């Protein structure tokens, strides 16, 4: 019998956490993100968009996203 997978939180941070942090914090750069389905691309894009607006680097009216 196969054991169920542990929840993601119990597994610790993903191995690419450094890159994820850069996407959300280096707001003066452009990034191209390529990854498989279900890896968090849309989540990272939303975090980045929120950071841009919260820091004043962009206005809500000027932000667009394509997934």
PDB file of N, CA and C in Angstrom:
ATOM      1  N   UNK A   1       0.841  -1.174   0.000  1.00  0.00           N
ATOM      2  CA  UNK A   1       0.000   0.000   0.000  1.00  0.00           C
ATOM      3  C   UNK A   1       0.888   1.239   0.000  1.00  0.00           C
ATOM      4  N   UNK A   2       0.542   2.201  -0.819  1.00  0.00           N
ATOM      5  CA  UNK A   2       1.326   3.428  -0.934  1.00  0.00           C
ATOM      6  C   UNK A   2       0.919   4.419   0.151  1.00  0.00           C
ATOM      7  N   UNK A   3       1.915   5.030   0.779  1.00  0.00           N
ATOM      8  CA  UNK A   3       1.657   6.028   1.820  1.00  0.00           C
ATOM      9  C   UNK A   3       1.323   7.367   1.159  1.00  0.00           C
ATOM     10  N   UNK A   4       0.430   8.148   1.752  1.00  0.00           N
ATOM     11  CA  UNK A   4       0.097   9.455   1.185  1.00  0.00           C
ATOM     12  C   UNK A   4       1.285  10.408   1.271  1.00  0.00           C
ATOM     13  N   UNK A   5       1.334  11.350   0.328  1.00  0.00           N
ATOM     14  CA  UNK A   5       2.391  12.355   0.316  1.00  0.00           C
ATOM     15  C   UNK A   5       2.207  13.301   1.503  1.00  0.00           C
ATOM     16  N   UNK A   6       3.304  13.748   2.135  1.00  0.00           N
ATOM     17  CA  UNK A   6       3.163  14.733   3.216  1.00  0.00           C
ATOM     18  C   UNK A   6       2.755  16.073   2.633  1.00  0.00           C
ATOM     19  N   UNK A   7       2.086  16.916   3.410  1.00  0.00           N
ATOM     20  CA  UNK A   7       1.723  18.241   2.912  1.00  0.00           C
ATOM     21  C   UNK A   7       2.985  19.019   2.538  1.00  0.00           C
ATOM     22  N   UNK A   8       2.850  19.947   1.599  1.00  0.00           N
ATOM     23  CA  UNK A   8       4.004  20.710   1.124  1.00  0.00           C
ATOM     24  C   UNK A   8       4.707  21.438   2.261  1.00  0.00           C
ATOM     25  N   UNK A   9       3.951  21.962   3.227  1.00  0.00           N
ATOM     26  CA  UNK A   9       4.554  22.694   4.337  1.00  0.00           C
ATOM     27  C   UNK A   9       5.470  21.800   5.162  1.00  0.00           C
ATOM     28  N   UNK A  10       5.145  20.529   5.264  1.00  0.00           N
ATOM     29  CA  UNK A  10       5.954  19.610   6.053  1.00  0.00           C
ATOM     30  C   UNK A  10       7.248  19.257   5.338  1.00  0.00           C
ATOM     31  N   UNK A  11       7.331  19.536   4.041  1.00  0.00           N
ATOM     32  CA  UNK A  11       8.503  19.180   3.252  1.00  0.00           C
ATOM     33  C   UNK A  11       9.565  20.279   3.261  1.00  0.00           C
ATOM     34  N   UNK A  12       9.280  21.420   3.849  1.00  0.00           N
ATOM     35  CA  UNK A  12      10.226  22.514   3.852  1.00  0.00           C
ATOM     36  C   UNK A  12      10.105  23.352   2.598  1.00  0.00           C
ATOM     37  N   UNK A  13      10.979  24.358   2.480  1.00  0.00           N
ATOM     38  CA  UNK A  13      10.897  25.242   1.311  1.00  0.00           C
ATOM     39  C   UNK A  13      11.304  24.509   0.041  1.00  0.00           C
ATOM     40  N   UNK A  14      10.787  24.969  -1.098  1.00  0.00           N
ATOM     41  CA  UNK A  14      11.171  24.333  -2.363  1.00  0.00           C
ATOM     42  C   UNK A  14      12.644  24.600  -2.661  1.00  0.00           C
ATOM     43  N   UNK A  15      13.266  23.751  -3.465  1.00  0.00           N
ATOM     44  CA  UNK A  15      14.689  23.926  -3.750  1.00  0.00           C
ATOM     45  C   UNK A  15      15.011  25.214  -4.505  1.00  0.00           C
ATOM     46  N   UNK A  16      14.020  25.812  -5.153  1.00  0.00           N
ATOM     47  CA  UNK A  16      14.252  27.054  -5.898  1.00  0.00           C
ATOM     48  C   UNK A  16      13.787  28.297  -5.132  1.00  0.00           C
ATOM     49  N   UNK A  17      13.754  28.217  -3.817  1.00  0.00           N
ATOM     50  CA  UNK A  17      13.248  29.337  -3.006  1.00  0.00           C
ATOM     51  C   UNK A  17      14.030  30.625  -3.256  1.00  0.00           C
ATOM     52  N   UNK A  18      15.332  30.536  -3.473  1.00  0.00           N
ATOM     53  CA  UNK A  18      16.128  31.739  -3.749  1.00  0.00           C
ATOM     54  C   UNK A  18      15.627  32.453  -4.997  1.00  0.00           C
ATOM     55  N   UNK A  19      15.337  31.700  -6.043  1.00  0.00           N
ATOM     56  CA  UNK A  19      14.829  32.297  -7.274  1.00  0.00           C
ATOM     57  C   UNK A  19      13.442  32.889  -7.058  1.00  0.00           C
ATOM     58  N   UNK A  20      12.618  32.198  -6.295  1.00  0.00           N
ATOM     59  CA  UNK A  20      11.276  32.717  -5.998  1.00  0.00           C
ATOM     60  C   UNK A  20      11.357  34.036  -5.250  1.00  0.00           C
ATOM     61  N   UNK A  21      12.277  34.116  -4.296  1.00  0.00           N
ATOM     62  CA  UNK A  21      12.452  35.349  -3.534  1.00  0.00           C
ATOM     63  C   UNK A  21      12.899  36.492  -4.446  1.00  0.00           C
ATOM     64  N   UNK A  22      13.792  36.206  -5.378  1.00  0.00           N
ATOM     65  CA  UNK A  22      14.260  37.236  -6.306  1.00  0.00           C
ATOM     66  C   UNK A  22      13.109  37.778  -7.151  1.00  0.00           C
ATOM     67  N   UNK A  23      12.244  36.888  -7.619  1.00  0.00           N
ATOM     68  CA  UNK A  23      11.109  37.313  -8.439  1.00  0.00           C
ATOM     69  C   UNK A  23      10.229  38.289  -7.674  1.00  0.00           C
ATOM     70  N   UNK A  24      10.019  38.027  -6.396  1.00  0.00           N
ATOM     71  CA  UNK A  24       9.118  38.843  -5.591  1.00  0.00           C
ATOM     72  C   UNK A  24       9.775  40.114  -5.055  1.00  0.00           C
ATOM     73  N   UNK A  25      11.102  40.183  -5.028  1.00  0.00           N
ATOM     74  CA  UNK A  25      11.749  41.329  -4.387  1.00  0.00           C
ATOM     75  C   UNK A  25      12.576  42.200  -5.325  1.00  0.00           C
ATOM     76  N   UNK A  26      13.126  41.665  -6.387  1.00  0.00           N
ATOM     77  CA  UNK A  26      13.918  42.471  -7.325  1.00  0.00           C
ATOM     78  C   UNK A  26      12.973  43.102  -8.341  1.00  0.00           C
ATOM     79  N   UNK A  27      12.337  44.174  -7.914  1.00  0.00           N
ATOM     80  CA  UNK A  27      11.254  44.760  -8.697  1.00  0.00           C
ATOM     81  C   UNK A  27      11.736  45.653  -9.830  1.00  0.00           C
ATOM     82  N   UNK A  28      13.024  45.936  -9.897  1.00  0.00           N
ATOM     83  CA  UNK A  28      13.557  46.785 -10.957  1.00  0.00           C
ATOM     84  C   UNK A  28      14.084  45.968 -12.136  1.00  0.00           C
ATOM     85  N   UNK A  29      13.819  44.684 -12.141  1.00  0.00           N
ATOM     86  CA  UNK A  29      14.278  43.775 -13.201  1.00  0.00           C
ATOM     87  C   UNK A  29      13.088  43.081 -13.841  1.00  0.00           C
ATOM     88  N   UNK A  30      13.291  42.584 -15.043  1.00  0.00           N
ATOM     89  CA  UNK A  30      12.302  41.751 -15.714  1.00  0.00           C
ATOM     90  C   UNK A  30      12.744  40.297 -15.588  1.00  0.00           C
ATOM     91  N   UNK A  31      11.794  39.409 -15.451  1.00  0.00           N
ATOM     92  CA  UNK A  31      12.079  37.985 -15.340  1.00  0.00           C
ATOM     93  C   UNK A  31      11.210  37.221 -16.325  1.00  0.00           C
ATOM     94  N   UNK A  32      11.781  36.188 -16.907  1.00  0.00           N
ATOM     95  CA  UNK A  32      11.029  35.219 -17.694  1.00  0.00           C
ATOM     96  C   UNK A  32      11.021  33.939 -16.882  1.00  0.00           C
ATOM     97  N   UNK A  33       9.839  33.459 -16.567  1.00  0.00           N
ATOM     98  CA  UNK A  33       9.715  32.260 -15.740  1.00  0.00           C
ATOM     99  C   UNK A  33       9.146  31.136 -16.596  1.00  0.00           C
ATOM    100  N   UNK A  34       9.896  30.061 -16.703  1.00  0.00           N
ATOM    101  CA  UNK A  34       9.440  28.868 -17.398  1.00  0.00           C
ATOM    102  C   UNK A  34       9.478  27.720 -16.411  1.00  0.00           C
ATOM    103  N   UNK A  35       8.363  27.048 -16.244  1.00  0.00           N
ATOM    104  CA  UNK A  35       8.294  25.923 -15.310  1.00  0.00           C
ATOM    105  C   UNK A  35       7.086  25.069 -15.663  1.00  0.00           C
ATOM    106  N   UNK A  36       7.063  23.876 -15.136  1.00  0.00           N
ATOM    107  CA  UNK A  36       5.970  22.935 -15.391  1.00  0.00           C
ATOM    108  C   UNK A  36       4.672  23.395 -14.729  1.00  0.00           C
ATOM    109  N   UNK A  37       3.587  22.795 -15.147  1.00  0.00           N
ATOM    110  CA  UNK A  37       2.277  23.100 -14.574  1.00  0.00           C
ATOM    111  C   UNK A  37       2.264  22.795 -13.076  1.00  0.00           C
ATOM    112  N   UNK A  38       1.612  23.669 -12.319  1.00  0.00           N
ATOM    113  CA  UNK A  38       1.447  23.432 -10.887  1.00  0.00           C
ATOM    114  C   UNK A  38       2.651  23.774 -10.035  1.00  0.00           C
ATOM    115  N   UNK A  39       3.614  24.510 -10.586  1.00  0.00           N
ATOM    116  CA  UNK A  39       4.821  24.814  -9.822  1.00  0.00           C
ATOM    117  C   UNK A  39       4.794  26.168  -9.131  1.00  0.00           C
ATOM    118  N   UNK A  40       3.742  26.953  -9.340  1.00  0.00           N
ATOM    119  CA  UNK A  40       3.603  28.216  -8.627  1.00  0.00           C
ATOM    120  C   UNK A  40       3.900  29.457  -9.450  1.00  0.00           C
ATOM    121  N   UNK A  41       3.906  29.356 -10.778  1.00  0.00           N
ATOM    122  CA  UNK A  41       4.189  30.521 -11.613  1.00  0.00           C
ATOM    123  C   UNK A  41       3.165  31.635 -11.395  1.00  0.00           C
ATOM    124  N   UNK A  42       1.902  31.302 -11.413  1.00  0.00           N
ATOM    125  CA  UNK A  42       0.860  32.318 -11.244  1.00  0.00           C
ATOM    126  C   UNK A  42       0.931  32.920  -9.848  1.00  0.00           C
ATOM    127  N   UNK A  43       1.168  32.108  -8.844  1.00  0.00           N
ATOM    128  CA  UNK A  43       1.305  32.610  -7.475  1.00  0.00           C
ATOM    129  C   UNK A  43       2.453  33.609  -7.389  1.00  0.00           C
ATOM    130  N   UNK A  44       3.581  33.288  -8.014  1.00  0.00           N
ATOM    131  CA  UNK A  44       4.725  34.194  -7.990  1.00  0.00           C
ATOM    132  C   UNK A  44       4.422  35.485  -8.740  1.00  0.00           C
ATOM    133  N   UNK A  45       3.698  35.385  -9.848  1.00  0.00           N
ATOM    134  CA  UNK A  45       3.355  36.580 -10.593  1.00  0.00           C
ATOM    135  C   UNK A  45       2.455  37.494  -9.762  1.00  0.00           C
ATOM    136  N   UNK A  46       1.500  36.921  -9.073  1.00  0.00           N
ATOM    137  CA  UNK A  46       0.610  37.716  -8.223  1.00  0.00           C
ATOM    138  C   UNK A  46       1.404  38.349  -7.084  1.00  0.00           C
ATOM    139  N   UNK A  47       2.315  37.596  -6.455  1.00  0.00           N
ATOM    140  CA  UNK A  47       3.143  38.161  -5.385  1.00  0.00           C
ATOM    141  C   UNK A  47       3.967  39.332  -5.907  1.00  0.00           C
ATOM    142  N   UNK A  48       4.516  39.185  -7.093  1.00  0.00           N
ATOM    143  CA  UNK A  48       5.318  40.257  -7.681  1.00  0.00           C
ATOM    144  C   UNK A  48       4.453  41.475  -7.982  1.00  0.00           C
ATOM    145  N   UNK A  49       3.283  41.262  -8.543  1.00  0.00           N
ATOM    146  CA  UNK A  49       2.386  42.380  -8.849  1.00  0.00           C
ATOM    147  C   UNK A  49       1.978  43.111  -7.578  1.00  0.00           C
ATOM    148  N   UNK A  50       1.676  42.365  -6.528  1.00  0.00           N
ATOM    149  CA  UNK A  50       1.337  42.985  -5.250  1.00  0.00           C
ATOM    150  C   UNK A  50       2.505  43.808  -4.712  1.00  0.00           C
ATOM    151  N   UNK A  51       3.705  43.256  -4.791  1.00  0.00           N
ATOM    152  CA  UNK A  51       4.886  43.974  -4.310  1.00  0.00           C
ATOM    153  C   UNK A  51       5.103  45.258  -5.108  1.00  0.00           C
ATOM    154  N   UNK A  52       4.915  45.203  -6.425  1.00  0.00           N
ATOM    155  CA  UNK A  52       5.072  46.392  -7.255  1.00  0.00           C
ATOM    156  C   UNK A  52       4.115  47.500  -6.821  1.00  0.00           C
ATOM    157  N   UNK A  53       2.868  47.134  -6.564  1.00  0.00           N
ATOM    158  CA  UNK A  53       1.866  48.119  -6.162  1.00  0.00           C
ATOM    159  C   UNK A  53       2.117  48.580  -4.720  1.00  0.00           C
ATOM    160  N   UNK A  54       2.407  47.665  -3.817  1.00  0.00           N
ATOM    161  CA  UNK A  54       2.607  48.024  -2.408  1.00  0.00           C
ATOM    162  C   UNK A  54       3.809  48.924  -2.193  1.00  0.00           C
ATOM    163  N   UNK A  55       4.850  48.761  -2.997  1.00  0.00           N
ATOM    164  CA  UNK A  55       6.049  49.589  -2.849  1.00  0.00           C
ATOM    165  C   UNK A  55       5.954  50.897  -3.625  1.00  0.00           C
ATOM    166  N   UNK A  56       4.907  51.050  -4.409  1.00  0.00           N
ATOM    167  CA  UNK A  56       4.750  52.260  -5.207  1.00  0.00           C
ATOM    168  C   UNK A  56       5.510  52.215  -6.518  1.00  0.00           C
ATOM    169  N   UNK A  57       6.107  51.079  -6.853  1.00  0.00           N
ATOM    170  CA  UNK A  57       6.842  50.945  -8.108  1.00  0.00           C
ATOM    171  C   UNK A  57       5.903  50.930  -9.313  1.00  0.00           C
ATOM    172  N   UNK A  58       4.632  50.639  -9.085  1.00  0.00           N
ATOM    173  CA  UNK A  58       3.636  50.626 -10.160  1.00  0.00           C
ATOM    174  C   UNK A  58       2.274  50.987  -9.581  1.00  0.00           C
ATOM    175  N   UNK A  59       1.440  51.533 -10.430  1.00  0.00           N
ATOM    176  CA  UNK A  59       0.063  51.832 -10.057  1.00  0.00           C
ATOM    177  C   UNK A  59      -0.825  50.682 -10.528  1.00  0.00           C
ATOM    178  N   UNK A  60      -1.872  50.394  -9.798  1.00  0.00           N
ATOM    179  CA  UNK A  60      -2.766  49.293 -10.147  1.00  0.00           C
ATOM    180  C   UNK A  60      -3.242  49.418 -11.587  1.00  0.00           C
ATOM    181  N   UNK A  61      -3.529  50.627 -12.027  1.00  0.00           N
ATOM    182  CA  UNK A  61      -4.066  50.834 -13.367  1.00  0.00           C
ATOM    183  C   UNK A  61      -3.067  50.483 -14.475  1.00  0.00           C
ATOM    184  N   UNK A  62      -1.794  50.346 -14.134  1.00  0.00           N
ATOM    185  CA  UNK A  62      -0.771  50.085 -15.146  1.00  0.00           C
ATOM    186  C   UNK A  62      -0.264  48.657 -15.146  1.00  0.00           C
ATOM    187  N   UNK A  63      -0.826  47.814 -14.300  1.00  0.00           N
ATOM    188  CA  UNK A  63      -0.345  46.430 -14.179  1.00  0.00           C
ATOM    189  C   UNK A  63      -1.263  45.492 -14.962  1.00  0.00           C
ATOM    190  N   UNK A  64      -0.662  44.632 -15.768  1.00  0.00           N
ATOM    191  CA  UNK A  64      -1.400  43.614 -16.507  1.00  0.00           C
ATOM    192  C   UNK A  64      -0.655  42.307 -16.390  1.00  0.00           C
ATOM    193  N   UNK A  65      -1.376  41.219 -16.496  1.00  0.00           N
ATOM    194  CA  UNK A  65      -0.747  39.894 -16.385  1.00  0.00           C
ATOM    195  C   UNK A  65      -1.293  38.986 -17.460  1.00  0.00           C
ATOM    196  N   UNK A  66      -0.416  38.146 -17.995  1.00  0.00           N
ATOM    197  CA  UNK A  66      -0.805  37.134 -18.978  1.00  0.00           C
ATOM    198  C   UNK A  66      -0.256  35.809 -18.484  1.00  0.00           C
ATOM    199  N   UNK A  67      -1.130  34.825 -18.350  1.00  0.00           N
ATOM    200  CA  UNK A  67      -0.668  33.509 -17.909  1.00  0.00           C
ATOM    201  C   UNK A  67      -0.916  32.494 -18.994  1.00  0.00           C
TER     202      UNK A  67
END
